[in-house]
Each structure stands twice: as C-alpha cells, then as structure tokens.
C-alpha cells in the first residue's frame, strides 16, 4: 500500500498563507467584538446615567416629605433602587431591594459595592430632600453584551464565508505554481523544452525563466555531447583504419628499412589521431561550457602563446613576432582565450610557407580591443571564408595537414566571449588576416 506523504505546513506556501490569513481573520473578529463591546458599554453607561439623572430630577419636590413608612416598588427588583431622605436624615422612601446601600449619599455619580455586586449610584440634594438612584452594573453589562452581539453577529456569520473566499483566492493564485510543477513532473528525462510562462504571477515568473535558462544550458551540453560522439565516430573511422593498415604493414615488413618506414608512418598516424581527438575535446568543451566573465590580461596571454610556439615557428624558419601590443584587458575566460590564441597562431604557422612571416597585434580602440593575426601565406579566397568555419572543412588544394577544426574552435570561443571574428586579406603581408573584435573593453 502506498504511503500518503505528509504535508509540512511550515514548508507549504499555500498552508502558511491560509493559516496566517485565517488567523488574521479570527484575530480581527475578536478585536472587533472587544471594540464593539467596549463601545456598547460606554454608550450604555451614558444612556443609563442620563436616565438615572432624569428619574432623580422627576422625584424632586418642594413640599416637605413625612415618614410614611416608605413606598415599595417592584418587589425584589435590584436593577433600580430608589431612596429618599429628609434633611434630618430620615428615610422617607425606599424601593424594596436586597441591596444594602449606604445611608449617606455622595452627591453626583459614584460606584458602590453591595453584596458582591457593584452599583452605579446618582445622588442629588434639594432644600427639603436627598434623592439617591442606584442601578446594578450587571444590567448595563448585559445590555452592552446584547448590543455588541448585534454588531458582531454579522461578522461572526460572515467569517466562515470570508475564510472560504480566502481559501479560494489563495488556491487560485497558486494554481500556476501547481501547473508548472505538473509540467516538470510529467515530462520525459530527455525533454528539455521550455516551461510555459503563460499567466504566471510576477513572483513565480523569474523562477520559471531561470529554470528555462537552465534547461537551455543542459540542452546545449547534450547537443555538444551528441555532436562530439557523431564527429568522433565519423572522423576517427578513417584514421583508425589507416592505423590498422600501417600496423599490418609493420607486421609484414621484410627488412629493417621497411620496418623503420612502417614505424614512422604508424607514429605519424597516431599523432594525427591524437591531435584530432584533442581538437574534438577542445571543441566540445568550448561549446558546452558557460563563460564566467572576469578580467583577463590579453597582452600577457599573447606573449605567453608566442613563447610557446616559437619553437614550431623556428623549425619552419618563420618569423613569428608581436608586431604591436597595447596593454589591454578583456572580460572573458583565460583558459579559453589561451586556446583561441594558440589555434590562431598555430594555423598561421601551419599554412604559411617556410621562411614566411606571422605577426600578432593588439590594439586598444574606442570600439574595443582588436586582436589581429596576419601571415604571408596563400590566404583564403572570399568565397571560402565562410565555409572554413564549418567543422572538418579544409580548403581544397591545401598542402598543410590538419583536422579542419581549428577555425571552428576559434569561432566557438569568440562567440562565447561576445566577440566578432572576421577573415580578410592582409595588405601588409599579402596572406590571411584574422580580426577578433572584443566588446566591453577596459584599457590595461
């Protein structure tokens, strides 16, 4: 039997909203009841005080009163007690009541405790009599409670309706979140299509947008992996077949000279296959990785690359140098820029005839940093300049060996850095001119 997961309200946005709002409604209703009761009690006090004053004033008489044994009104009624005294302190009237009120009256209003009950007392004195009106405070509280109940009653009836409305509004407002959750939960593992952003609240839409960006990055990584596998399977077939044939030739060699030639060919084939695998890995890594921008001293990278390739240029008697170098800094990734510089200069050295020239220049311009590599080689015709960026494409008739991935790697790195890559003819050296224009440049 499948266990039903227990929902933790403290971690549920819907639960917290409902609990907080329902608690707020309850507290507001209680506060309203207390305010209504105090307001009703205040109003009742004013009304009954005024009533007591009117009763006392209506009992005033200019004629002297004699002690006639008192007059009884409403036997057993403690809600209103009336007492009248002569100036001599003789009680001439007292309503029948169980209340034991003081025989001396305090003029005006006062509160008196009698038999565990508080009475509100009003006393007034004339030339021939003193009148005292007393009322049980419980009467006022009952009336205040009744008035408060009339006020709070509709609120108490509407509170459940208001709670249902809050539940409906909260559930409806969080429905887009549930829809996004269902979209993500029901999709297949290889489905990296964007999640719909339709009708999402402003608080949730940035989260979905970031989720779609993450899906895009994962999709790019998967595409790069698939391209790498496809390219490796396609391009390694021929080198591996050639290695197999060279190994057979080595096995069938009849003398030491034939064996030496076979070993040289086998070694060259292994080097070409190794170089191809390295280029494929570099290209896959550059296409799948995200560039975290940070300041990079491009001039230092250029000098380092020239020093690394000086031996290869010297072996072919090529004049490799730094023709012009401003101290510049670009926003990018140092390792990737180093790979781009190495491929730019390596391609120039490889395709430049022996005894030629390869120059590197760095210019700090108002438009940004310009990286220029020029050589005295055969160059590339205008109709071929777009095609050479394709993977494994090599210019027809080219004598230099290679895998055709160098310019593809250079273009991938330039695009990752927001730079533009342009191929042109070098007016100074007559060969190829490669221009990389970086945006957002800071002078060094």
Foldseek 3Di string as FASTA:
>chain_A
DDDDDDDDLVPDPLSVLLVVVLVVLVVVLVVLLVVLLVVLLVVLVVVVLVVQVVVQVVPDDPDAADQPVADEDDAADQFKWKWKAFPVLHTRYIYHYPWDDDSDDDAAWDWDDTPNWIKIKHWDDDPTMIMIMIGTCVVSSVSSNVSSCVVSVVSVVCSVVVSVVSSVVSCVLCVVVVVQVVVVVPDDPPDLAQGDQPPHDPVCSVVSVVSNVVSVLVVQLVVLVVVLVVCCVVQVVVLVVQLVVLVVQCVPDDDDVSNVVSVVSNVVSVVQNVQVNVLSVLLSCLRNDAKDWDKDFVQVLLVVLCVVCVVVLVVLLEAEEEPEEFGWIAITDSVLSSLLSNLLVVVQSQQAHRNWYWYWYWDQDPQAIKIKIAILGAADDPVCFVVLLDFQDDDPPRPGDDRSRSNVSNVSRLVSQVWDWDWDADPVNGYIMIMIGGGDIDGD
